[in-house]
């Protein structure tokens, strides 16, 4: 799993993706600081990002095949 499509991107209140299994995640700012973390359910999980300021962030997922990092924008 090289990339995980995130949608919508840019996002306003939540970011979603497809997951085959429960997936630990972390949301990091551009400096690599941890802002949000947790574990999603399998299927079509979404992560609430309403508390984040407008800007660019990284979603780090720990999948069965390894670590995946995707950049997204909060509007």
PDB file of N, CA and C in Angstrom:
ATOM      1  N   UNK A   1       0.857  -1.186   0.000  1.00  0.00           N
ATOM      2  CA  UNK A   1       0.000   0.000   0.000  1.00  0.00           C
ATOM      3  C   UNK A   1       0.892   1.234   0.000  1.00  0.00           C
ATOM      4  N   UNK A   2       1.112   1.830  -1.163  1.00  0.00           N
ATOM      5  CA  UNK A   2       1.972   2.988  -1.257  1.00  0.00           C
ATOM      6  C   UNK A   2       1.274   4.283  -0.897  1.00  0.00           C
ATOM      7  N   UNK A   3       0.079   4.466  -1.441  1.00  0.00           N
ATOM      8  CA  UNK A   3      -0.674   5.688  -1.167  1.00  0.00           C
ATOM      9  C   UNK A   3      -2.089   5.314  -0.748  1.00  0.00           C
ATOM     10  N   UNK A   4      -2.643   6.149   0.101  1.00  0.00           N
ATOM     11  CA  UNK A   4      -4.036   5.987   0.520  1.00  0.00           C
ATOM     12  C   UNK A   4      -4.769   7.245   0.061  1.00  0.00           C
ATOM     13  N   UNK A   5      -5.712   7.133  -0.859  1.00  0.00           N
ATOM     14  CA  UNK A   5      -6.448   8.324  -1.293  1.00  0.00           C
ATOM     15  C   UNK A   5      -7.254   8.922  -0.137  1.00  0.00           C
ATOM     16  N   UNK A   6      -7.028  10.193   0.130  1.00  0.00           N
ATOM     17  CA  UNK A   6      -7.774  10.912   1.163  1.00  0.00           C
ATOM     18  C   UNK A   6      -8.822  11.786   0.490  1.00  0.00           C
ATOM     19  N   UNK A   7      -9.982  11.879   1.089  1.00  0.00           N
ATOM     20  CA  UNK A   7     -11.031  12.732   0.529  1.00  0.00           C
ATOM     21  C   UNK A   7     -11.914  13.247   1.640  1.00  0.00           C
ATOM     22  N   UNK A   8     -12.527  14.394   1.524  1.00  0.00           N
ATOM     23  CA  UNK A   8     -12.147  15.382   0.501  1.00  0.00           C
ATOM     24  C   UNK A   8     -10.785  15.968   0.830  1.00  0.00           C
ATOM     25  N   UNK A   9     -10.107  16.455  -0.155  1.00  0.00           N
ATOM     26  CA  UNK A   9      -8.808  17.089   0.065  1.00  0.00           C
ATOM     27  C   UNK A   9      -8.665  18.228  -0.935  1.00  0.00           C
ATOM     28  N   UNK A  10      -8.809  19.466  -0.491  1.00  0.00           N
ATOM     29  CA  UNK A  10      -8.821  19.966   0.879  1.00  0.00           C
ATOM     30  C   UNK A  10     -10.113  19.606   1.624  1.00  0.00           C
ATOM     31  N   UNK A  11      -9.993  19.560   2.953  1.00  0.00           N
ATOM     32  CA  UNK A  11     -11.109  19.176   3.818  1.00  0.00           C
ATOM     33  C   UNK A  11     -11.466  20.311   4.767  1.00  0.00           C
ATOM     34  N   UNK A  12     -12.699  20.253   5.283  1.00  0.00           N
ATOM     35  CA  UNK A  12     -13.152  21.264   6.242  1.00  0.00           C
ATOM     36  C   UNK A  12     -13.263  20.701   7.649  1.00  0.00           C
ATOM     37  N   UNK A  13     -14.017  19.609   7.820  1.00  0.00           N
ATOM     38  CA  UNK A  13     -14.273  19.111   9.170  1.00  0.00           C
ATOM     39  C   UNK A  13     -13.789  17.681   9.398  1.00  0.00           C
ATOM     40  N   UNK A  14     -13.652  16.900   8.316  1.00  0.00           N
ATOM     41  CA  UNK A  14     -13.162  15.533   8.461  1.00  0.00           C
ATOM     42  C   UNK A  14     -12.489  15.076   7.184  1.00  0.00           C
ATOM     43  N   UNK A  15     -11.570  14.124   7.355  1.00  0.00           N
ATOM     44  CA  UNK A  15     -10.861  13.530   6.229  1.00  0.00           C
ATOM     45  C   UNK A  15     -11.160  12.030   6.256  1.00  0.00           C
ATOM     46  N   UNK A  16     -11.413  11.440   5.103  1.00  0.00           N
ATOM     47  CA  UNK A  16     -11.787  10.026   5.027  1.00  0.00           C
ATOM     48  C   UNK A  16     -10.851   9.266   4.097  1.00  0.00           C
ATOM     49  N   UNK A  17     -10.845   7.946   4.258  1.00  0.00           N
ATOM     50  CA  UNK A  17     -10.047   7.061   3.405  1.00  0.00           C
ATOM     51  C   UNK A  17     -10.625   5.658   3.519  1.00  0.00           C
ATOM     52  N   UNK A  18     -10.128   4.740   2.703  1.00  0.00           N
ATOM     53  CA  UNK A  18     -10.558   3.345   2.757  1.00  0.00           C
ATOM     54  C   UNK A  18      -9.526   2.538   3.531  1.00  0.00           C
ATOM     55  N   UNK A  19     -10.006   1.632   4.401  1.00  0.00           N
ATOM     56  CA  UNK A  19      -9.103   0.806   5.203  1.00  0.00           C
ATOM     57  C   UNK A  19      -9.604  -0.629   5.226  1.00  0.00           C
ATOM     58  N   UNK A  20      -8.681  -1.579   5.039  1.00  0.00           N
ATOM     59  CA  UNK A  20      -9.032  -3.003   5.070  1.00  0.00           C
ATOM     60  C   UNK A  20      -9.184  -3.525   6.494  1.00  0.00           C
ATOM     61  N   UNK A  21      -8.573  -2.831   7.453  1.00  0.00           N
ATOM     62  CA  UNK A  21      -8.589  -3.280   8.842  1.00  0.00           C
ATOM     63  C   UNK A  21      -8.506  -2.065   9.753  1.00  0.00           C
ATOM     64  N   UNK A  22      -8.662  -2.274  11.052  1.00  0.00           N
ATOM     65  CA  UNK A  22      -8.450  -1.193  12.012  1.00  0.00           C
ATOM     66  C   UNK A  22      -7.052  -0.628  11.788  1.00  0.00           C
ATOM     67  N   UNK A  23      -6.964   0.696  11.740  1.00  0.00           N
ATOM     68  CA  UNK A  23      -5.705   1.337  11.364  1.00  0.00           C
ATOM     69  C   UNK A  23      -5.315   2.414  12.368  1.00  0.00           C
ATOM     70  N   UNK A  24      -4.195   2.249  13.068  1.00  0.00           N
ATOM     71  CA  UNK A  24      -3.700   3.329  13.920  1.00  0.00           C
ATOM     72  C   UNK A  24      -3.290   4.521  13.049  1.00  0.00           C
ATOM     73  N   UNK A  25      -3.607   5.728  13.520  1.00  0.00           N
ATOM     74  CA  UNK A  25      -3.266   6.927  12.748  1.00  0.00           C
ATOM     75  C   UNK A  25      -2.698   8.001  13.650  1.00  0.00           C
ATOM     76  N   UNK A  26      -1.964   8.928  13.015  1.00  0.00           N
ATOM     77  CA  UNK A  26      -1.487  10.143  13.676  1.00  0.00           C
ATOM     78  C   UNK A  26      -1.607  11.279  12.680  1.00  0.00           C
ATOM     79  N   UNK A  27      -2.027  12.444  13.161  1.00  0.00           N
ATOM     80  CA  UNK A  27      -2.046  13.656  12.342  1.00  0.00           C
ATOM     81  C   UNK A  27      -0.924  14.549  12.858  1.00  0.00           C
ATOM     82  N   UNK A  28      -0.033  14.939  11.942  1.00  0.00           N
ATOM     83  CA  UNK A  28       1.143  15.732  12.291  1.00  0.00           C
ATOM     84  C   UNK A  28       1.107  17.064  11.554  1.00  0.00           C
ATOM     85  N   UNK A  29       1.675  18.096  12.179  1.00  0.00           N
ATOM     86  CA  UNK A  29       1.800  19.365  11.467  1.00  0.00           C
ATOM     87  C   UNK A  29       3.071  19.332  10.626  1.00  0.00           C
ATOM     88  N   UNK A  30       3.364  20.446   9.964  1.00  0.00           N
ATOM     89  CA  UNK A  30       4.516  20.478   9.043  1.00  0.00           C
ATOM     90  C   UNK A  30       5.850  20.324   9.770  1.00  0.00           C
ATOM     91  N   UNK A  31       5.857  20.548  11.093  1.00  0.00           N
ATOM     92  CA  UNK A  31       7.074  20.387  11.879  1.00  0.00           C
ATOM     93  C   UNK A  31       7.210  18.971  12.433  1.00  0.00           C
ATOM     94  N   UNK A  32       6.223  18.121  12.135  1.00  0.00           N
ATOM     95  CA  UNK A  32       6.251  16.753  12.632  1.00  0.00           C
ATOM     96  C   UNK A  32       5.689  16.593  14.028  1.00  0.00           C
ATOM     97  N   UNK A  33       5.043  17.639  14.549  1.00  0.00           N
ATOM     98  CA  UNK A  33       4.468  17.573  15.893  1.00  0.00           C
ATOM     99  C   UNK A  33       3.127  16.849  15.853  1.00  0.00           C
ATOM    100  N   UNK A  34       2.905  15.961  16.819  1.00  0.00           N
ATOM    101  CA  UNK A  34       1.678  15.186  16.908  1.00  0.00           C
ATOM    102  C   UNK A  34       0.519  16.064  17.361  1.00  0.00           C
ATOM    103  N   UNK A  35      -0.573  16.072  16.577  1.00  0.00           N
ATOM    104  CA  UNK A  35      -1.743  16.868  16.908  1.00  0.00           C
ATOM    105  C   UNK A  35      -2.946  16.006  17.256  1.00  0.00           C
ATOM    106  N   UNK A  36      -3.135  14.910  16.530  1.00  0.00           N
ATOM    107  CA  UNK A  36      -4.251  13.989  16.756  1.00  0.00           C
ATOM    108  C   UNK A  36      -3.740  12.570  16.588  1.00  0.00           C
ATOM    109  N   UNK A  37      -4.355  11.617  17.303  1.00  0.00           N
ATOM    110  CA  UNK A  37      -3.993  10.212  17.106  1.00  0.00           C
ATOM    111  C   UNK A  37      -5.153   9.328  17.546  1.00  0.00           C
ATOM    112  N   UNK A  38      -5.114   8.093  17.105  1.00  0.00           N
ATOM    113  CA  UNK A  38      -6.156   7.144  17.459  1.00  0.00           C
ATOM    114  C   UNK A  38      -6.087   5.940  16.560  1.00  0.00           C
ATOM    115  N   UNK A  39      -7.179   5.174  16.539  1.00  0.00           N
ATOM    116  CA  UNK A  39      -7.285   4.004  15.671  1.00  0.00           C
ATOM    117  C   UNK A  39      -8.642   4.037  15.000  1.00  0.00           C
ATOM    118  N   UNK A  40      -8.663   3.873  13.695  1.00  0.00           N
ATOM    119  CA  UNK A  40      -9.916   3.876  12.942  1.00  0.00           C
ATOM    120  C   UNK A  40     -10.448   2.455  12.816  1.00  0.00           C
ATOM    121  N   UNK A  41     -11.699   2.340  12.450  1.00  0.00           N
ATOM    122  CA  UNK A  41     -12.299   1.041  12.146  1.00  0.00           C
ATOM    123  C   UNK A  41     -12.021   0.698  10.684  1.00  0.00           C
ATOM    124  N   UNK A  42     -12.234  -0.548  10.324  1.00  0.00           N
ATOM    125  CA  UNK A  42     -12.110  -0.969   8.929  1.00  0.00           C
ATOM    126  C   UNK A  42     -13.269  -0.399   8.128  1.00  0.00           C
ATOM    127  N   UNK A  43     -13.085  -0.282   6.820  1.00  0.00           N
ATOM    128  CA  UNK A  43     -14.152   0.200   5.939  1.00  0.00           C
ATOM    129  C   UNK A  43     -13.831   1.567   5.388  1.00  0.00           C
ATOM    130  N   UNK A  44     -14.668   2.548   5.738  1.00  0.00           N
ATOM    131  CA  UNK A  44     -14.541   3.906   5.223  1.00  0.00           C
ATOM    132  C   UNK A  44     -14.461   4.876   6.398  1.00  0.00           C
ATOM    133  N   UNK A  45     -13.368   4.817   7.175  1.00  0.00           N
ATOM    134  CA  UNK A  45     -13.281   5.656   8.368  1.00  0.00           C
ATOM    135  C   UNK A  45     -13.061   7.123   8.030  1.00  0.00           C
ATOM    136  N   UNK A  46     -13.455   7.983   8.971  1.00  0.00           N
ATOM    137  CA  UNK A  46     -13.153   9.406   8.828  1.00  0.00           C
ATOM    138  C   UNK A  46     -12.580   9.910  10.142  1.00  0.00           C
ATOM    139  N   UNK A  47     -11.713  10.894  10.026  1.00  0.00           N
ATOM    140  CA  UNK A  47     -11.050  11.497  11.174  1.00  0.00           C
ATOM    141  C   UNK A  47     -11.511  12.943  11.262  1.00  0.00           C
ATOM    142  N   UNK A  48     -12.010  13.329  12.427  1.00  0.00           N
ATOM    143  CA  UNK A  48     -12.490  14.691  12.630  1.00  0.00           C
ATOM    144  C   UNK A  48     -11.293  15.620  12.770  1.00  0.00           C
ATOM    145  N   UNK A  49     -11.272  16.674  11.941  1.00  0.00           N
ATOM    146  CA  UNK A  49     -10.141  17.613  11.950  1.00  0.00           C
ATOM    147  C   UNK A  49     -10.614  19.047  12.213  1.00  0.00           C
ATOM    148  N   UNK A  50     -11.821  19.184  12.769  1.00  0.00           N
ATOM    149  CA  UNK A  50     -12.383  20.523  13.003  1.00  0.00           C
ATOM    150  C   UNK A  50     -11.506  21.384  13.896  1.00  0.00           C
ATOM    151  N   UNK A  51     -10.773  20.780  14.833  1.00  0.00           N
ATOM    152  CA  UNK A  51      -9.964  21.548  15.784  1.00  0.00           C
ATOM    153  C   UNK A  51      -8.660  22.063  15.180  1.00  0.00           C
ATOM    154  N   UNK A  52      -8.290  21.576  13.995  1.00  0.00           N
ATOM    155  CA  UNK A  52      -7.041  22.019  13.365  1.00  0.00           C
ATOM    156  C   UNK A  52      -7.214  23.383  12.715  1.00  0.00           C
ATOM    157  N   UNK A  53      -6.158  24.175  12.744  1.00  0.00           N
ATOM    158  CA  UNK A  53      -6.154  25.466  12.054  1.00  0.00           C
ATOM    159  C   UNK A  53      -6.040  25.223  10.546  1.00  0.00           C
ATOM    160  N   UNK A  54      -6.397  26.214   9.753  1.00  0.00           N
ATOM    161  CA  UNK A  54      -6.252  26.122   8.301  1.00  0.00           C
ATOM    162  C   UNK A  54      -4.775  25.916   7.976  1.00  0.00           C
ATOM    163  N   UNK A  55      -4.489  24.980   7.078  1.00  0.00           N
ATOM    164  CA  UNK A  55      -3.105  24.736   6.697  1.00  0.00           C
ATOM    165  C   UNK A  55      -2.911  23.335   6.172  1.00  0.00           C
ATOM    166  N   UNK A  56      -1.645  22.938   6.040  1.00  0.00           N
ATOM    167  CA  UNK A  56      -1.284  21.621   5.522  1.00  0.00           C
ATOM    168  C   UNK A  56      -0.851  20.716   6.667  1.00  0.00           C
ATOM    169  N   UNK A  57      -1.223  19.439   6.568  1.00  0.00           N
ATOM    170  CA  UNK A  57      -0.932  18.452   7.607  1.00  0.00           C
ATOM    171  C   UNK A  57      -0.565  17.130   6.955  1.00  0.00           C
ATOM    172  N   UNK A  58      -0.056  16.211   7.777  1.00  0.00           N
ATOM    173  CA  UNK A  58       0.278  14.865   7.324  1.00  0.00           C
ATOM    174  C   UNK A  58      -0.536  13.857   8.113  1.00  0.00           C
ATOM    175  N   UNK A  59      -1.132  12.913   7.404  1.00  0.00           N
ATOM    176  CA  UNK A  59      -1.827  11.797   8.028  1.00  0.00           C
ATOM    177  C   UNK A  59      -0.920  10.578   7.904  1.00  0.00           C
ATOM    178  N   UNK A  60      -0.515  10.036   9.045  1.00  0.00           N
ATOM    179  CA  UNK A  60       0.352   8.860   9.080  1.00  0.00           C
ATOM    180  C   UNK A  60      -0.496   7.662   9.483  1.00  0.00           C
ATOM    181  N   UNK A  61      -0.491   6.626   8.646  1.00  0.00           N
ATOM    182  CA  UNK A  61      -1.257   5.407   8.905  1.00  0.00           C
ATOM    183  C   UNK A  61      -0.293   4.242   9.086  1.00  0.00           C
ATOM    184  N   UNK A  62      -0.571   3.396  10.079  1.00  0.00           N
ATOM    185  CA  UNK A  62       0.216   2.179  10.288  1.00  0.00           C
ATOM    186  C   UNK A  62      -0.586   1.018   9.718  1.00  0.00           C
ATOM    187  N   UNK A  63      -0.327   0.669   8.471  1.00  0.00           N
ATOM    188  CA  UNK A  63      -1.086  -0.384   7.800  1.00  0.00           C
ATOM    189  C   UNK A  63      -0.374  -1.726   7.950  1.00  0.00           C
ATOM    190  N   UNK A  64      -1.040  -2.785   7.527  1.00  0.00           N
ATOM    191  CA  UNK A  64      -0.461  -4.130   7.590  1.00  0.00           C
ATOM    192  C   UNK A  64       0.814  -4.223   6.760  1.00  0.00           C
ATOM    193  N   UNK A  65       0.920  -3.398   5.730  1.00  0.00           N
ATOM    194  CA  UNK A  65       2.098  -3.437   4.860  1.00  0.00           C
ATOM    195  C   UNK A  65       3.126  -2.367   5.224  1.00  0.00           C
ATOM    196  N   UNK A  66       2.894  -1.616   6.287  1.00  0.00           N
ATOM    197  CA  UNK A  66       3.877  -0.624   6.711  1.00  0.00           C
ATOM    198  C   UNK A  66       3.266   0.756   6.925  1.00  0.00           C
ATOM    199  N   UNK A  67       4.159   1.719   7.097  1.00  0.00           N
ATOM    200  CA  UNK A  67       3.766   3.095   7.396  1.00  0.00           C
ATOM    201  C   UNK A  67       3.492   3.844   6.099  1.00  0.00           C
ATOM    202  N   UNK A  68       2.359   4.571   6.070  1.00  0.00           N
ATOM    203  CA  UNK A  68       1.989   5.382   4.914  1.00  0.00           C
ATOM    204  C   UNK A  68       1.742   6.800   5.420  1.00  0.00           C
ATOM    205  N   UNK A  69       2.313   7.781   4.729  1.00  0.00           N
ATOM    206  CA  UNK A  69       2.106   9.186   5.103  1.00  0.00           C
ATOM    207  C   UNK A  69       1.530   9.919   3.904  1.00  0.00           C
ATOM    208  N   UNK A  70       0.429  10.611   4.123  1.00  0.00           N
ATOM    209  CA  UNK A  70      -0.231  11.385   3.065  1.00  0.00           C
ATOM    210  C   UNK A  70      -0.417  12.824   3.548  1.00  0.00           C
ATOM    211  N   UNK A  71      -0.167  13.758   2.663  1.00  0.00           N
ATOM    212  CA  UNK A  71      -0.355  15.173   2.969  1.00  0.00           C
ATOM    213  C   UNK A  71      -1.795  15.555   2.636  1.00  0.00           C
ATOM    214  N   UNK A  72      -2.395  16.404   3.492  1.00  0.00           N
ATOM    215  CA  UNK A  72      -3.728  16.930   3.196  1.00  0.00           C
ATOM    216  C   UNK A  72      -3.827  18.374   3.631  1.00  0.00           C
ATOM    217  N   UNK A  73      -4.831  19.063   3.109  1.00  0.00           N
ATOM    218  CA  UNK A  73      -5.039  20.473   3.420  1.00  0.00           C
ATOM    219  C   UNK A  73      -6.340  20.651   4.186  1.00  0.00           C
ATOM    220  N   UNK A  74      -6.287  21.449   5.259  1.00  0.00           N
ATOM    221  CA  UNK A  74      -7.475  21.837   6.010  1.00  0.00           C
ATOM    222  C   UNK A  74      -7.832  23.251   5.570  1.00  0.00           C
ATOM    223  N   UNK A  75      -9.078  23.452   5.106  1.00  0.00           N
ATOM    224  CA  UNK A  75      -9.522  24.781   4.680  1.00  0.00           C
ATOM    225  C   UNK A  75     -10.296  25.460   5.787  1.00  0.00           C
TER     226      UNK A  75
END
